[in-house]
N, C-alpha and C. Protein backbone atom coordinates (compact mmCIF):
# COMPACT_ATOMS: atom_id res chain seq x y z
N UNK A 1 117.20 103.13 97.39
CA UNK A 1 115.83 103.58 97.23
C UNK A 1 115.70 104.99 97.76
N UNK A 2 115.10 105.91 97.00
CA UNK A 2 114.94 107.27 97.44
C UNK A 2 113.97 107.36 98.62
N UNK A 3 114.18 108.39 99.43
CA UNK A 3 113.26 108.58 100.59
C UNK A 3 111.92 109.05 100.07
N UNK A 4 110.86 108.77 100.85
CA UNK A 4 109.53 109.25 100.51
C UNK A 4 109.51 110.75 100.33
N UNK A 5 108.64 111.27 99.48
CA UNK A 5 108.61 112.67 99.13
C UNK A 5 108.27 113.56 100.34
N UNK A 6 107.60 113.00 101.36
CA UNK A 6 107.22 113.84 102.53
C UNK A 6 108.31 113.80 103.60
N UNK A 7 109.49 113.26 103.29
CA UNK A 7 110.57 113.17 104.29
C UNK A 7 111.39 114.44 104.29
N UNK A 8 111.73 114.93 105.48
CA UNK A 8 112.58 116.09 105.68
C UNK A 8 113.76 115.67 106.56
N UNK A 9 114.95 116.04 106.11
CA UNK A 9 116.15 115.86 106.94
C UNK A 9 116.34 117.08 107.81
N UNK A 10 116.48 116.90 109.11
CA UNK A 10 116.68 118.01 110.03
C UNK A 10 117.96 117.75 110.81
N UNK A 11 118.87 118.75 110.78
CA UNK A 11 120.09 118.67 111.57
C UNK A 11 120.10 119.80 112.56
N UNK A 12 120.38 119.49 113.83
CA UNK A 12 120.50 120.50 114.86
C UNK A 12 121.96 120.55 115.25
N UNK A 13 122.61 121.70 115.07
CA UNK A 13 124.01 121.86 115.40
C UNK A 13 124.20 122.76 116.61
N UNK A 14 125.44 123.07 116.92
CA UNK A 14 125.78 123.62 118.23
C UNK A 14 125.66 125.11 118.40
N UNK A 15 124.95 125.78 117.50
CA UNK A 15 124.69 127.19 117.75
C UNK A 15 123.68 127.37 118.85
N UNK A 16 123.68 128.53 119.50
CA UNK A 16 122.61 128.85 120.46
C UNK A 16 121.31 128.93 119.66
N UNK A 17 120.21 128.57 120.31
CA UNK A 17 118.94 128.61 119.65
C UNK A 17 118.38 127.20 119.38
N UNK A 18 118.71 126.28 120.26
CA UNK A 18 118.23 124.91 120.12
C UNK A 18 116.69 124.86 120.02
N UNK A 19 116.02 125.85 120.63
CA UNK A 19 114.55 125.87 120.65
C UNK A 19 114.01 125.92 119.20
N UNK A 20 114.71 126.57 118.32
CA UNK A 20 114.22 126.64 116.92
C UNK A 20 114.19 125.29 116.33
N UNK A 21 115.25 124.53 116.48
CA UNK A 21 115.31 123.19 115.88
C UNK A 21 114.29 122.23 116.52
N UNK A 22 114.19 122.31 117.82
CA UNK A 22 113.27 121.44 118.56
C UNK A 22 111.80 121.72 118.17
N UNK A 23 111.47 122.99 118.07
CA UNK A 23 110.12 123.37 117.72
C UNK A 23 109.84 122.96 116.26
N UNK A 24 110.83 123.08 115.39
CA UNK A 24 110.65 122.66 114.03
C UNK A 24 110.42 121.14 113.96
N UNK A 25 111.17 120.42 114.72
CA UNK A 25 110.98 118.94 114.77
C UNK A 25 109.55 118.62 115.21
N UNK A 26 109.08 119.26 116.26
CA UNK A 26 107.73 119.04 116.77
C UNK A 26 106.70 119.34 115.67
N UNK A 27 106.87 120.45 114.95
CA UNK A 27 105.91 120.84 113.97
C UNK A 27 105.91 119.90 112.76
N UNK A 28 107.09 119.43 112.34
CA UNK A 28 107.14 118.52 111.20
C UNK A 28 106.48 117.20 111.56
N UNK A 29 106.66 116.71 112.76
CA UNK A 29 106.04 115.45 113.18
C UNK A 29 104.51 115.63 113.28
N UNK A 30 104.10 116.76 113.79
CA UNK A 30 102.65 117.06 113.91
C UNK A 30 102.01 117.19 112.52
N UNK A 31 102.83 117.63 111.54
CA UNK A 31 102.33 117.75 110.15
C UNK A 31 102.41 116.43 109.38
N UNK A 32 102.70 115.39 110.10
CA UNK A 32 102.75 114.02 109.53
C UNK A 32 103.84 113.84 108.51
N UNK A 33 104.95 114.61 108.71
CA UNK A 33 106.15 114.39 107.86
C UNK A 33 107.08 113.36 108.47
N UNK A 34 107.67 112.57 107.67
CA UNK A 34 108.72 111.67 108.14
C UNK A 34 109.96 112.51 108.28
N UNK A 35 110.73 112.27 109.38
CA UNK A 35 111.88 113.11 109.68
C UNK A 35 113.10 112.22 109.89
N UNK A 36 114.18 112.60 109.20
CA UNK A 36 115.51 112.04 109.45
C UNK A 36 116.23 113.06 110.32
N UNK A 37 116.56 112.76 111.51
CA UNK A 37 117.14 113.72 112.44
C UNK A 37 118.59 113.39 112.79
N UNK A 38 119.38 114.48 112.84
CA UNK A 38 120.79 114.36 113.33
C UNK A 38 120.99 115.46 114.36
N UNK A 39 121.56 115.13 115.46
CA UNK A 39 121.86 116.10 116.51
C UNK A 39 123.35 115.99 116.81
N UNK A 40 124.11 117.10 116.56
CA UNK A 40 125.56 117.03 116.75
C UNK A 40 125.88 116.96 118.25
N UNK A 41 127.11 116.58 118.54
CA UNK A 41 127.56 116.49 119.94
C UNK A 41 127.48 117.87 120.60
N UNK A 42 127.87 118.91 119.85
CA UNK A 42 127.76 120.26 120.45
C UNK A 42 126.31 120.67 120.69
N UNK A 43 125.40 120.22 119.75
CA UNK A 43 124.00 120.55 119.94
C UNK A 43 123.43 119.89 121.21
N UNK A 44 123.90 118.71 121.50
CA UNK A 44 123.45 118.04 122.74
C UNK A 44 123.81 118.84 123.96
N UNK A 45 125.00 119.47 123.92
CA UNK A 45 125.44 120.33 125.03
C UNK A 45 124.56 121.54 125.12
N UNK A 46 124.28 122.14 123.96
CA UNK A 46 123.44 123.34 123.93
C UNK A 46 122.02 123.03 124.40
N UNK A 47 121.47 121.92 123.96
CA UNK A 47 120.11 121.54 124.38
C UNK A 47 120.05 121.36 125.89
N UNK A 48 121.10 120.75 126.45
CA UNK A 48 121.18 120.56 127.90
C UNK A 48 121.26 121.88 128.65
N UNK A 49 121.88 122.88 127.99
CA UNK A 49 122.08 124.19 128.60
C UNK A 49 120.84 125.08 128.49
N UNK A 50 120.22 125.07 127.28
CA UNK A 50 119.13 125.99 127.00
C UNK A 50 117.76 125.46 127.30
N UNK A 51 117.63 124.16 127.54
CA UNK A 51 116.31 123.58 127.82
C UNK A 51 116.41 122.63 129.00
N UNK A 52 115.27 122.07 129.40
CA UNK A 52 115.22 121.09 130.48
C UNK A 52 115.29 119.69 129.94
N UNK A 53 115.45 119.50 128.65
CA UNK A 53 115.47 118.14 128.06
C UNK A 53 116.76 117.43 128.41
N UNK A 54 116.63 116.12 128.62
CA UNK A 54 117.79 115.27 128.94
C UNK A 54 117.88 114.17 127.89
N UNK A 55 118.64 114.44 126.81
CA UNK A 55 118.72 113.49 125.73
C UNK A 55 119.57 112.30 126.10
N UNK A 56 119.10 111.09 125.81
CA UNK A 56 119.95 109.92 126.01
C UNK A 56 121.07 109.91 124.98
N UNK A 57 122.20 109.29 125.27
CA UNK A 57 123.33 109.34 124.38
C UNK A 57 123.16 108.47 123.15
N UNK A 58 122.41 107.40 123.19
CA UNK A 58 122.24 106.49 122.06
C UNK A 58 121.26 107.03 121.07
N UNK A 59 121.55 106.85 119.76
CA UNK A 59 120.65 107.36 118.73
C UNK A 59 119.26 106.70 118.79
N UNK A 60 119.20 105.42 119.05
CA UNK A 60 117.92 104.72 119.11
C UNK A 60 117.11 105.25 120.27
N UNK A 61 117.75 105.42 121.41
CA UNK A 61 117.04 105.94 122.56
C UNK A 61 116.61 107.39 122.34
N UNK A 62 117.41 108.15 121.62
CA UNK A 62 117.04 109.55 121.31
C UNK A 62 115.82 109.56 120.42
N UNK A 63 115.74 108.67 119.45
CA UNK A 63 114.52 108.62 118.61
C UNK A 63 113.31 108.28 119.43
N UNK A 64 113.40 107.32 120.36
CA UNK A 64 112.31 107.00 121.21
C UNK A 64 111.89 108.14 122.13
N UNK A 65 112.94 108.88 122.59
CA UNK A 65 112.68 110.02 123.48
C UNK A 65 111.86 111.09 122.78
N UNK A 66 112.29 111.47 121.59
CA UNK A 66 111.58 112.51 120.82
C UNK A 66 110.22 112.03 120.33
N UNK A 67 110.16 110.77 119.98
CA UNK A 67 108.88 110.21 119.48
C UNK A 67 107.84 110.31 120.58
N UNK A 68 108.25 109.97 121.80
CA UNK A 68 107.34 110.04 122.94
C UNK A 68 107.01 111.48 123.28
N UNK A 69 108.02 112.34 123.23
CA UNK A 69 107.88 113.76 123.58
C UNK A 69 106.88 114.49 122.68
N UNK A 70 107.00 114.20 121.36
CA UNK A 70 106.22 114.92 120.35
C UNK A 70 105.13 114.10 119.72
N UNK A 71 104.94 112.89 120.21
CA UNK A 71 103.81 112.07 119.73
C UNK A 71 103.99 111.55 118.32
N UNK A 72 105.21 111.19 117.95
CA UNK A 72 105.44 110.66 116.61
C UNK A 72 104.85 109.29 116.43
N UNK A 73 104.47 108.98 115.22
CA UNK A 73 103.94 107.67 114.88
C UNK A 73 105.12 106.66 114.75
N UNK A 74 104.82 105.38 114.88
CA UNK A 74 105.87 104.38 114.70
C UNK A 74 106.54 104.52 113.34
N UNK A 75 107.87 104.60 113.34
CA UNK A 75 108.58 104.70 112.06
C UNK A 75 108.62 106.09 111.47
N UNK A 76 108.03 107.06 112.10
CA UNK A 76 107.97 108.40 111.54
C UNK A 76 109.27 109.14 111.71
N UNK A 77 110.01 108.82 112.78
CA UNK A 77 111.27 109.55 113.12
C UNK A 77 112.41 108.58 113.16
N UNK A 78 113.49 108.96 112.42
CA UNK A 78 114.74 108.20 112.49
C UNK A 78 115.83 109.12 112.89
N UNK A 79 116.67 108.66 113.82
CA UNK A 79 117.81 109.50 114.31
C UNK A 79 119.11 108.80 113.91
N UNK A 80 120.04 109.57 113.36
CA UNK A 80 121.30 109.06 112.90
C UNK A 80 122.45 109.70 113.64
N UNK A 81 123.52 108.89 113.91
CA UNK A 81 124.66 109.42 114.62
C UNK A 81 125.67 110.05 113.68
N UNK A 82 126.66 110.75 114.30
CA UNK A 82 127.64 111.53 113.56
C UNK A 82 128.39 110.68 112.53
N UNK A 83 128.65 109.42 112.85
CA UNK A 83 129.50 108.59 112.00
C UNK A 83 128.68 107.44 111.36
N UNK A 84 127.40 107.62 111.24
CA UNK A 84 126.53 106.57 110.67
C UNK A 84 126.48 106.72 109.15
N UNK A 85 127.55 106.32 108.49
CA UNK A 85 127.71 106.60 107.09
C UNK A 85 126.76 105.72 106.19
N UNK A 86 126.13 104.73 106.73
CA UNK A 86 125.18 103.94 106.00
C UNK A 86 123.79 104.55 106.04
N UNK A 87 123.60 105.72 106.68
CA UNK A 87 122.30 106.34 106.71
C UNK A 87 121.87 106.81 105.31
N UNK A 88 120.62 106.82 105.02
CA UNK A 88 120.15 107.27 103.67
C UNK A 88 120.64 108.67 103.30
N UNK A 89 120.80 109.55 104.29
CA UNK A 89 121.17 110.94 103.99
C UNK A 89 122.60 111.05 103.48
N UNK A 90 123.40 109.98 103.59
CA UNK A 90 124.80 110.02 103.12
C UNK A 90 124.94 109.81 101.64
N UNK A 91 123.85 109.54 100.94
CA UNK A 91 123.96 109.27 99.51
C UNK A 91 122.82 109.93 98.72
N UNK A 92 123.18 110.40 97.58
CA UNK A 92 122.17 111.05 96.74
C UNK A 92 121.08 110.15 96.29
N UNK A 93 121.34 108.86 96.29
CA UNK A 93 120.33 107.86 95.83
C UNK A 93 119.27 107.59 96.91
N UNK A 94 119.53 108.00 98.16
CA UNK A 94 118.58 107.76 99.24
C UNK A 94 118.16 108.92 100.08
N UNK A 95 118.79 110.06 99.84
CA UNK A 95 118.52 111.25 100.66
C UNK A 95 117.22 111.90 100.30
N UNK A 96 116.55 112.53 101.30
CA UNK A 96 115.31 113.27 100.98
C UNK A 96 115.58 114.49 100.15
N UNK A 97 114.55 115.03 99.58
CA UNK A 97 114.68 116.23 98.71
C UNK A 97 114.79 117.54 99.46
N UNK A 98 114.59 117.47 100.82
CA UNK A 98 114.62 118.68 101.59
C UNK A 98 115.41 118.49 102.89
N UNK A 99 116.27 119.45 103.18
CA UNK A 99 117.04 119.42 104.39
C UNK A 99 117.11 120.81 105.03
N UNK A 100 117.03 120.84 106.36
CA UNK A 100 117.20 122.03 107.15
C UNK A 100 118.26 121.82 108.22
N UNK A 101 119.14 122.80 108.37
CA UNK A 101 120.09 122.82 109.49
C UNK A 101 119.68 123.94 110.38
N UNK A 102 119.13 123.61 111.57
CA UNK A 102 118.50 124.61 112.43
C UNK A 102 118.68 124.27 113.89
N UNK A 103 119.40 125.07 114.64
CA UNK A 103 120.21 126.19 114.16
C UNK A 103 121.50 125.71 113.47
N UNK A 104 122.07 126.56 112.64
CA UNK A 104 123.28 126.22 111.90
C UNK A 104 124.42 127.03 112.50
N UNK A 105 125.41 126.33 113.07
CA UNK A 105 126.56 127.01 113.64
C UNK A 105 127.45 127.60 112.53
N UNK A 106 128.23 128.58 112.87
CA UNK A 106 129.15 129.17 111.87
C UNK A 106 130.24 128.16 111.48
N UNK A 107 130.55 127.23 112.37
CA UNK A 107 131.50 126.17 112.03
C UNK A 107 130.90 125.27 110.94
N UNK A 108 129.63 124.96 111.08
CA UNK A 108 128.97 124.15 110.05
C UNK A 108 128.86 124.94 108.74
N UNK A 109 128.59 126.21 108.79
CA UNK A 109 128.58 127.02 107.58
C UNK A 109 129.89 126.94 106.86
N UNK A 110 130.99 127.01 107.63
CA UNK A 110 132.32 126.99 107.04
C UNK A 110 132.55 125.63 106.36
N UNK A 111 132.22 124.55 107.04
CA UNK A 111 132.40 123.22 106.46
C UNK A 111 131.63 123.02 105.22
N UNK A 112 130.41 123.52 105.21
CA UNK A 112 129.55 123.34 104.02
C UNK A 112 130.07 124.17 102.86
N UNK A 113 130.54 125.36 103.15
CA UNK A 113 131.03 126.27 102.08
C UNK A 113 132.31 125.71 101.42
N UNK A 114 133.07 124.93 102.18
CA UNK A 114 134.32 124.43 101.64
C UNK A 114 134.24 122.97 101.21
N UNK A 115 133.03 122.40 101.34
CA UNK A 115 132.85 120.97 100.90
C UNK A 115 133.42 119.92 101.83
N UNK A 116 133.69 120.31 103.08
CA UNK A 116 134.15 119.33 104.07
C UNK A 116 133.01 118.36 104.42
N UNK A 117 133.36 117.13 104.66
CA UNK A 117 132.37 116.14 105.07
C UNK A 117 132.90 115.34 106.24
N UNK A 118 133.14 116.01 107.34
CA UNK A 118 133.81 115.40 108.47
C UNK A 118 132.83 114.62 109.36
N UNK A 119 131.54 114.80 109.17
CA UNK A 119 130.54 114.08 109.92
C UNK A 119 129.29 113.88 109.04
N UNK A 120 128.29 113.17 109.55
CA UNK A 120 127.14 112.89 108.73
C UNK A 120 126.31 114.13 108.38
N UNK A 121 126.25 115.08 109.32
CA UNK A 121 125.51 116.31 109.02
C UNK A 121 126.11 117.03 107.85
N UNK A 122 127.45 117.19 107.82
CA UNK A 122 128.10 117.84 106.75
C UNK A 122 127.94 117.07 105.43
N UNK A 123 128.03 115.77 105.53
CA UNK A 123 127.89 114.94 104.30
C UNK A 123 126.47 115.04 103.79
N UNK A 124 125.45 115.02 104.63
CA UNK A 124 124.06 115.13 104.20
C UNK A 124 123.82 116.46 103.51
N UNK A 125 124.34 117.53 104.07
CA UNK A 125 124.16 118.86 103.42
C UNK A 125 124.93 118.90 102.11
N UNK A 126 126.07 118.30 102.08
CA UNK A 126 126.86 118.27 100.83
C UNK A 126 126.09 117.51 99.75
N UNK A 127 125.43 116.44 100.13
CA UNK A 127 124.61 115.66 99.22
C UNK A 127 123.48 116.54 98.71
N UNK A 128 122.83 117.27 99.57
CA UNK A 128 121.74 118.15 99.15
C UNK A 128 122.21 119.16 98.13
N UNK A 129 123.42 119.71 98.34
CA UNK A 129 123.93 120.69 97.40
C UNK A 129 124.29 120.08 96.07
N UNK A 130 124.95 118.94 96.10
CA UNK A 130 125.43 118.33 94.85
C UNK A 130 124.28 117.77 94.02
N UNK A 131 123.19 117.34 94.71
CA UNK A 131 122.03 116.80 94.02
C UNK A 131 121.02 117.90 93.67
N UNK A 132 121.39 119.15 93.96
CA UNK A 132 120.53 120.32 93.68
C UNK A 132 119.14 120.19 94.39
N UNK A 133 119.21 119.78 95.61
CA UNK A 133 118.00 119.69 96.42
C UNK A 133 117.88 120.85 97.39
N UNK A 134 116.74 120.98 98.05
CA UNK A 134 116.51 122.13 98.89
C UNK A 134 117.33 121.98 100.18
N UNK A 135 118.09 123.04 100.48
CA UNK A 135 118.89 123.10 101.69
C UNK A 135 118.62 124.47 102.36
N UNK A 136 118.10 124.45 103.56
CA UNK A 136 117.81 125.69 104.31
C UNK A 136 118.75 125.71 105.53
N UNK A 137 119.49 126.77 105.63
CA UNK A 137 120.44 126.96 106.74
C UNK A 137 119.98 128.14 107.61
N UNK A 138 119.90 127.87 108.91
CA UNK A 138 119.33 128.85 109.86
C UNK A 138 120.42 129.25 110.85
N UNK A 139 121.28 130.22 110.48
CA UNK A 139 122.35 130.64 111.38
C UNK A 139 121.79 131.46 112.52
N UNK A 140 122.41 131.35 113.67
CA UNK A 140 122.02 132.14 114.84
C UNK A 140 123.33 132.61 115.49
N UNK A 141 123.79 133.77 115.04
CA UNK A 141 125.04 134.36 115.53
C UNK A 141 124.95 135.84 115.36
N UNK A 142 125.68 136.59 116.19
CA UNK A 142 125.71 138.05 116.06
C UNK A 142 126.93 138.57 116.82
N UNK A 143 127.71 139.47 116.24
CA UNK A 143 127.57 139.89 114.82
C UNK A 143 128.27 138.89 113.89
N UNK A 144 128.14 139.09 112.58
CA UNK A 144 128.83 138.23 111.60
C UNK A 144 130.12 139.00 111.16
N UNK A 145 131.20 138.21 111.01
CA UNK A 145 132.38 138.84 110.42
C UNK A 145 132.47 138.43 108.95
N UNK A 146 133.53 138.86 108.29
CA UNK A 146 133.64 138.73 106.84
C UNK A 146 133.57 137.24 106.38
N UNK A 147 134.26 136.37 107.10
CA UNK A 147 134.24 134.98 106.72
C UNK A 147 132.85 134.37 106.80
N UNK A 148 132.10 134.70 107.87
CA UNK A 148 130.70 134.22 107.98
C UNK A 148 129.91 134.67 106.77
N UNK A 149 130.03 135.94 106.44
CA UNK A 149 129.23 136.48 105.36
C UNK A 149 129.65 135.92 104.03
N UNK A 150 130.96 135.72 103.85
CA UNK A 150 131.46 135.15 102.63
C UNK A 150 130.96 133.72 102.47
N UNK A 151 130.93 132.97 103.54
CA UNK A 151 130.43 131.58 103.48
C UNK A 151 128.94 131.56 103.14
N UNK A 152 128.19 132.48 103.70
CA UNK A 152 126.77 132.54 103.37
C UNK A 152 126.56 132.87 101.85
N UNK A 153 127.37 133.80 101.33
CA UNK A 153 127.26 134.13 99.95
C UNK A 153 127.63 132.93 99.07
N UNK A 154 128.72 132.24 99.40
CA UNK A 154 129.09 131.06 98.63
C UNK A 154 127.99 130.01 98.61
N UNK A 155 127.40 129.75 99.80
CA UNK A 155 126.36 128.74 99.90
C UNK A 155 125.08 129.19 99.14
N UNK A 156 124.77 130.44 99.21
CA UNK A 156 123.62 130.99 98.48
C UNK A 156 123.84 130.78 96.96
N UNK A 157 125.00 131.02 96.51
CA UNK A 157 125.33 130.84 95.09
C UNK A 157 125.27 129.34 94.70
N UNK A 158 125.51 128.47 95.68
CA UNK A 158 125.44 127.05 95.41
C UNK A 158 123.99 126.51 95.47
N UNK A 159 123.07 127.37 95.88
CA UNK A 159 121.67 126.96 95.86
C UNK A 159 121.01 126.85 97.25
N UNK A 160 121.78 127.05 98.32
CA UNK A 160 121.20 126.98 99.66
C UNK A 160 120.39 128.26 99.93
N UNK A 161 119.45 128.14 100.84
CA UNK A 161 118.71 129.29 101.35
C UNK A 161 119.20 129.64 102.73
N UNK A 162 119.64 130.86 102.94
CA UNK A 162 120.11 131.32 104.24
C UNK A 162 118.90 132.00 104.89
N UNK A 163 118.45 131.43 105.98
CA UNK A 163 117.28 131.93 106.70
C UNK A 163 117.64 132.18 108.13
N UNK A 164 118.20 133.39 108.43
CA UNK A 164 118.65 133.62 109.81
C UNK A 164 117.52 133.56 110.84
N UNK A 165 117.87 133.18 112.04
CA UNK A 165 116.92 133.15 113.14
C UNK A 165 116.68 134.59 113.60
N UNK A 166 115.94 135.34 112.80
CA UNK A 166 115.68 136.77 113.08
C UNK A 166 114.15 136.98 113.13
N UNK A 167 113.56 136.82 114.30
CA UNK A 167 112.10 136.96 114.41
C UNK A 167 111.65 138.37 114.13
N UNK A 168 110.50 138.46 113.47
CA UNK A 168 109.88 139.78 113.25
C UNK A 168 108.98 140.13 114.41
N UNK A 169 108.51 141.37 114.44
CA UNK A 169 107.78 141.84 115.61
C UNK A 169 106.43 142.47 115.19
N UNK A 170 106.09 142.42 113.88
CA UNK A 170 104.81 143.01 113.50
C UNK A 170 103.64 142.23 114.03
N UNK A 171 103.85 140.99 114.46
CA UNK A 171 102.75 140.21 115.08
C UNK A 171 102.69 140.40 116.58
N UNK A 172 103.51 141.30 117.09
CA UNK A 172 103.55 141.68 118.51
C UNK A 172 103.66 140.43 119.41
N UNK A 173 104.77 139.79 119.34
CA UNK A 173 105.00 138.57 120.18
C UNK A 173 104.92 138.91 121.64
N UNK A 174 104.32 137.98 122.40
CA UNK A 174 104.19 138.18 123.84
C UNK A 174 105.07 137.25 124.63
N UNK A 175 105.82 136.36 123.97
CA UNK A 175 106.65 135.43 124.65
C UNK A 175 107.75 135.01 123.80
N UNK A 176 108.77 134.37 124.38
CA UNK A 176 109.86 133.75 123.63
C UNK A 176 109.33 132.73 122.65
N UNK A 177 108.31 131.98 123.08
CA UNK A 177 107.69 130.95 122.21
C UNK A 177 107.15 131.58 120.95
N UNK A 178 106.54 132.75 121.05
CA UNK A 178 106.00 133.46 119.89
C UNK A 178 107.10 133.82 118.92
N UNK A 179 108.26 134.26 119.45
CA UNK A 179 109.36 134.62 118.55
C UNK A 179 110.00 133.35 117.90
N UNK A 180 110.06 132.31 118.62
CA UNK A 180 110.54 131.06 118.05
C UNK A 180 109.61 130.60 116.93
N UNK A 181 108.31 130.69 117.19
CA UNK A 181 107.31 130.24 116.21
C UNK A 181 107.36 131.07 114.93
N UNK A 182 107.71 132.35 115.04
CA UNK A 182 107.84 133.21 113.86
C UNK A 182 108.90 132.63 112.89
N UNK A 183 110.04 132.30 113.46
CA UNK A 183 111.14 131.79 112.59
C UNK A 183 110.77 130.38 112.04
N UNK A 184 110.21 129.55 112.92
CA UNK A 184 109.83 128.20 112.48
C UNK A 184 108.75 128.27 111.39
N UNK A 185 107.85 129.22 111.51
CA UNK A 185 106.82 129.39 110.50
C UNK A 185 107.42 129.71 109.12
N UNK A 186 108.45 130.55 109.11
CA UNK A 186 109.11 130.89 107.86
C UNK A 186 109.79 129.68 107.24
N UNK A 187 110.37 128.86 108.09
CA UNK A 187 111.02 127.60 107.60
C UNK A 187 109.98 126.70 107.01
N UNK A 188 108.85 126.51 107.70
CA UNK A 188 107.79 125.65 107.21
C UNK A 188 107.25 126.16 105.88
N UNK A 189 107.14 127.48 105.74
CA UNK A 189 106.67 128.04 104.50
C UNK A 189 107.61 127.69 103.35
N UNK A 190 108.87 127.74 103.59
CA UNK A 190 109.84 127.42 102.57
C UNK A 190 109.84 125.90 102.23
N UNK A 191 109.53 125.12 103.21
CA UNK A 191 109.38 123.66 103.00
C UNK A 191 108.08 123.24 102.35
N UNK A 192 107.16 124.19 102.25
CA UNK A 192 105.84 123.87 101.68
C UNK A 192 104.98 123.09 102.64
N UNK A 193 105.20 123.28 103.95
CA UNK A 193 104.40 122.63 104.97
C UNK A 193 103.42 123.63 105.54
N UNK A 194 102.13 123.32 105.51
CA UNK A 194 101.13 124.30 105.97
C UNK A 194 101.35 124.56 107.47
N UNK A 195 101.14 125.85 107.85
CA UNK A 195 101.35 126.21 109.24
C UNK A 195 100.45 127.33 109.62
N UNK A 196 100.12 127.41 110.92
CA UNK A 196 99.34 128.47 111.47
C UNK A 196 100.05 129.10 112.67
N UNK A 197 101.36 128.98 112.70
CA UNK A 197 102.14 129.45 113.86
C UNK A 197 102.16 130.96 113.98
N UNK A 198 102.24 131.62 112.85
CA UNK A 198 102.40 133.06 112.85
C UNK A 198 101.51 133.70 111.78
N UNK A 199 100.90 134.85 112.02
CA UNK A 199 100.09 135.53 111.02
C UNK A 199 100.92 136.03 109.94
N UNK A 200 100.30 136.08 108.73
CA UNK A 200 101.04 136.57 107.56
C UNK A 200 100.82 138.08 107.43
N UNK A 201 101.83 138.77 106.87
CA UNK A 201 101.74 140.19 106.67
C UNK A 201 100.54 140.51 105.75
N UNK A 202 99.73 141.42 106.21
CA UNK A 202 98.57 141.81 105.44
C UNK A 202 97.34 140.92 105.61
N UNK A 203 97.52 139.85 106.44
CA UNK A 203 96.39 138.94 106.71
C UNK A 203 95.47 139.51 107.75
N UNK A 204 94.36 138.88 107.94
CA UNK A 204 93.38 139.32 108.95
C UNK A 204 93.90 138.88 110.33
């Protein structure tokens, strides 16, 4: 059975910038979207380094943790493990029409560009590409070398959207949270989710 139309798959990988993925998760839940969440092992390390959050190791407990943290409704959030191959996201017949990898490590970029499916995150993104569904990748790295750029070009040609974590400054951000919200707002725009996180260029 296909996932409901309002479902978004979100993968958080081990690039720096865990705050982008966490804020996106919060906003999707607040927007009453159902979320299929995957957090890589490396991402758990980054989250522990960059935030004060203490994620439990079990996927079920992680779902409860985030549901309580962000006020999710019962059944609104599902968390899947790296090797949970029976998850809906592992098959084109059950995966949602929209997926975001935020932040997206350059290792994940490489795996996706070459069609590797070594874990559930890679398989879910591969499914999104093969089924011609929306896939948004949010790399957070600097500088990029030729392989990084080549992988981004390959993925763009395959239909993915490369949306780097590059906050703008025309809204005069006053905090790190403002800069995070700028990037998350752009992701929500591409997902078609209404947002008021950041003012639009030319708006009042």
